[in-house]
N, C-alpha and C. Protein backbone atom coordinates (compact mmCIF):
# COMPACT_ATOMS: atom_id res chain seq x y z
N UNK A 1 0.86 -1.17 0.00
CA UNK A 1 0.00 0.00 0.00
C UNK A 1 0.90 1.23 0.00
N UNK A 2 0.72 2.08 -1.00
CA UNK A 2 1.53 3.29 -1.07
C UNK A 2 0.78 4.52 -0.58
N UNK A 3 -0.55 4.46 -0.55
CA UNK A 3 -1.34 5.60 -0.10
C UNK A 3 -2.71 5.12 0.35
N UNK A 4 -3.26 5.79 1.36
CA UNK A 4 -4.61 5.49 1.85
C UNK A 4 -5.42 6.77 1.72
N UNK A 5 -6.59 6.65 1.11
CA UNK A 5 -7.42 7.83 0.85
C UNK A 5 -8.82 7.61 1.42
N UNK A 6 -9.35 8.61 2.11
CA UNK A 6 -10.70 8.56 2.68
C UNK A 6 -11.59 9.47 1.86
N UNK A 7 -12.73 8.93 1.43
CA UNK A 7 -13.70 9.72 0.66
C UNK A 7 -15.09 9.52 1.24
N UNK A 8 -15.88 10.57 1.20
CA UNK A 8 -17.28 10.48 1.61
C UNK A 8 -18.07 11.53 0.84
N UNK A 9 -19.12 11.08 0.15
CA UNK A 9 -19.97 12.04 -0.53
C UNK A 9 -20.98 12.60 0.48
N UNK A 10 -21.82 13.52 0.05
CA UNK A 10 -22.74 14.19 0.97
C UNK A 10 -23.67 13.20 1.67
N UNK A 11 -24.21 12.24 0.95
CA UNK A 11 -25.13 11.27 1.54
C UNK A 11 -24.42 10.36 2.54
N UNK A 12 -23.21 9.93 2.20
CA UNK A 12 -22.44 9.11 3.13
C UNK A 12 -22.16 9.89 4.41
N UNK A 13 -21.83 11.16 4.29
CA UNK A 13 -21.53 11.98 5.47
C UNK A 13 -22.75 12.10 6.38
N UNK A 14 -23.92 12.27 5.79
CA UNK A 14 -25.16 12.38 6.58
C UNK A 14 -25.37 11.14 7.44
N UNK A 15 -25.10 9.96 6.87
CA UNK A 15 -25.35 8.71 7.58
C UNK A 15 -24.12 8.14 8.27
N UNK A 16 -23.00 8.86 8.24
CA UNK A 16 -21.80 8.42 8.95
C UNK A 16 -21.03 7.32 8.27
N UNK A 17 -21.12 7.26 6.95
CA UNK A 17 -20.39 6.26 6.19
C UNK A 17 -19.30 6.94 5.35
N UNK A 18 -18.43 6.13 4.78
CA UNK A 18 -17.40 6.64 3.90
C UNK A 18 -16.71 5.49 3.20
N UNK A 19 -15.89 5.80 2.24
CA UNK A 19 -15.14 4.79 1.49
C UNK A 19 -13.65 5.05 1.64
N UNK A 20 -12.88 3.98 1.65
CA UNK A 20 -11.43 4.08 1.77
C UNK A 20 -10.81 3.42 0.55
N UNK A 21 -9.87 4.13 -0.07
CA UNK A 21 -9.16 3.60 -1.23
C UNK A 21 -7.73 3.29 -0.80
N UNK A 22 -7.32 2.05 -1.03
CA UNK A 22 -5.95 1.62 -0.73
C UNK A 22 -5.20 1.57 -2.05
N UNK A 23 -4.39 2.58 -2.31
CA UNK A 23 -3.61 2.65 -3.55
C UNK A 23 -2.39 1.75 -3.42
N UNK A 24 -2.10 1.01 -4.49
CA UNK A 24 -0.96 0.11 -4.49
C UNK A 24 0.03 0.52 -5.58
N UNK A 25 1.13 -0.19 -5.66
CA UNK A 25 2.14 0.07 -6.68
C UNK A 25 1.83 -0.65 -8.00
N UNK A 26 0.72 -1.36 -8.05
CA UNK A 26 0.34 -2.06 -9.27
C UNK A 26 0.04 -1.06 -10.38
N UNK A 27 0.07 -1.51 -11.61
CA UNK A 27 -0.19 -0.65 -12.76
C UNK A 27 -1.68 -0.41 -12.91
N UNK A 28 -2.07 0.84 -13.05
CA UNK A 28 -3.46 1.20 -13.25
C UNK A 28 -3.88 0.87 -14.68
N UNK A 29 -5.17 0.59 -14.85
CA UNK A 29 -5.70 0.29 -16.18
C UNK A 29 -6.92 1.14 -16.46
N UNK A 30 -7.15 1.46 -17.69
CA UNK A 30 -8.33 2.18 -18.17
C UNK A 30 -8.63 3.42 -17.33
N UNK A 31 -7.61 4.20 -17.04
CA UNK A 31 -7.75 5.44 -16.27
C UNK A 31 -8.34 5.23 -14.87
N UNK A 32 -8.24 4.03 -14.35
CA UNK A 32 -8.67 3.74 -12.99
C UNK A 32 -7.44 3.59 -12.11
N UNK A 33 -7.52 4.09 -10.89
CA UNK A 33 -6.37 3.92 -10.00
C UNK A 33 -6.19 2.46 -9.61
N UNK A 34 -4.96 2.08 -9.35
CA UNK A 34 -4.71 0.72 -8.91
C UNK A 34 -5.00 0.62 -7.42
N UNK A 35 -5.44 -0.54 -6.99
CA UNK A 35 -5.67 -0.75 -5.57
C UNK A 35 -7.04 -1.32 -5.29
N UNK A 36 -7.46 -1.15 -4.04
CA UNK A 36 -8.71 -1.71 -3.55
C UNK A 36 -9.54 -0.58 -2.94
N UNK A 37 -10.84 -0.59 -3.21
CA UNK A 37 -11.75 0.37 -2.60
C UNK A 37 -12.69 -0.36 -1.66
N UNK A 38 -12.77 0.12 -0.44
CA UNK A 38 -13.69 -0.41 0.57
C UNK A 38 -14.85 0.58 0.66
N UNK A 39 -16.03 0.18 0.19
CA UNK A 39 -17.17 1.09 0.08
C UNK A 39 -18.05 1.08 1.32
N UNK A 40 -18.63 2.24 1.61
CA UNK A 40 -19.69 2.41 2.61
C UNK A 40 -19.37 1.80 3.97
N UNK A 41 -18.22 2.16 4.51
CA UNK A 41 -17.81 1.68 5.82
C UNK A 41 -18.42 2.53 6.92
N UNK A 42 -18.85 1.88 8.01
CA UNK A 42 -19.23 2.62 9.21
C UNK A 42 -17.95 3.08 9.88
N UNK A 43 -17.96 4.22 10.53
CA UNK A 43 -16.79 4.79 11.19
C UNK A 43 -15.58 4.83 10.25
N UNK A 44 -15.72 5.47 9.09
CA UNK A 44 -14.61 5.49 8.14
C UNK A 44 -13.35 6.15 8.68
N UNK A 45 -13.52 7.15 9.54
CA UNK A 45 -12.33 7.82 10.09
C UNK A 45 -11.54 6.87 10.98
N UNK A 46 -12.25 6.06 11.79
CA UNK A 46 -11.59 5.10 12.65
C UNK A 46 -10.85 4.03 11.86
N UNK A 47 -11.50 3.53 10.81
CA UNK A 47 -10.87 2.52 9.95
C UNK A 47 -9.67 3.13 9.23
N UNK A 48 -9.84 4.35 8.74
CA UNK A 48 -8.75 5.06 8.05
C UNK A 48 -7.54 5.21 8.98
N UNK A 49 -7.79 5.66 10.21
CA UNK A 49 -6.69 5.84 11.17
C UNK A 49 -5.98 4.53 11.46
N UNK A 50 -6.74 3.45 11.63
CA UNK A 50 -6.15 2.14 11.90
C UNK A 50 -5.28 1.67 10.74
N UNK A 51 -5.78 1.82 9.51
CA UNK A 51 -5.01 1.40 8.34
C UNK A 51 -3.75 2.26 8.20
N UNK A 52 -3.89 3.57 8.38
CA UNK A 52 -2.72 4.46 8.29
C UNK A 52 -1.66 4.05 9.31
N UNK A 53 -2.10 3.72 10.51
CA UNK A 53 -1.18 3.30 11.56
C UNK A 53 -0.43 2.04 11.15
N UNK A 54 -1.14 1.06 10.63
CA UNK A 54 -0.52 -0.21 10.22
C UNK A 54 0.42 0.00 9.03
N UNK A 55 0.02 0.83 8.08
CA UNK A 55 0.86 1.09 6.91
C UNK A 55 2.15 1.79 7.33
N UNK A 56 2.05 2.76 8.23
CA UNK A 56 3.25 3.50 8.65
C UNK A 56 4.20 2.61 9.44
N UNK A 57 3.69 1.66 10.21
CA UNK A 57 4.55 0.73 10.95
C UNK A 57 5.36 -0.11 9.98
N UNK A 58 4.72 -0.59 8.92
CA UNK A 58 5.41 -1.45 7.95
C UNK A 58 6.28 -0.66 6.97
N UNK A 59 6.06 0.64 6.88
CA UNK A 59 6.87 1.47 5.97
C UNK A 59 8.20 1.86 6.59
N UNK A 60 8.31 1.76 7.90
CA UNK A 60 9.56 2.12 8.57
C UNK A 60 10.61 1.05 8.33
N UNK A 61 11.88 1.47 8.13
CA UNK A 61 12.94 0.47 7.88
C UNK A 61 13.26 -0.37 9.09
């Protein structure tokens, strides 16, 4: 994972949901970013923080 991105549209924000995109080093195709998208998560900020924490631990030499 090279980058973690948190997104929430207006409707998701109203109901407390959001999506997280895990960008990878894989090659993108058809103008789509490479990686995995986790859609409509409850507590997206909490999940985002947890993933960021784990990614930063593994990124350290």
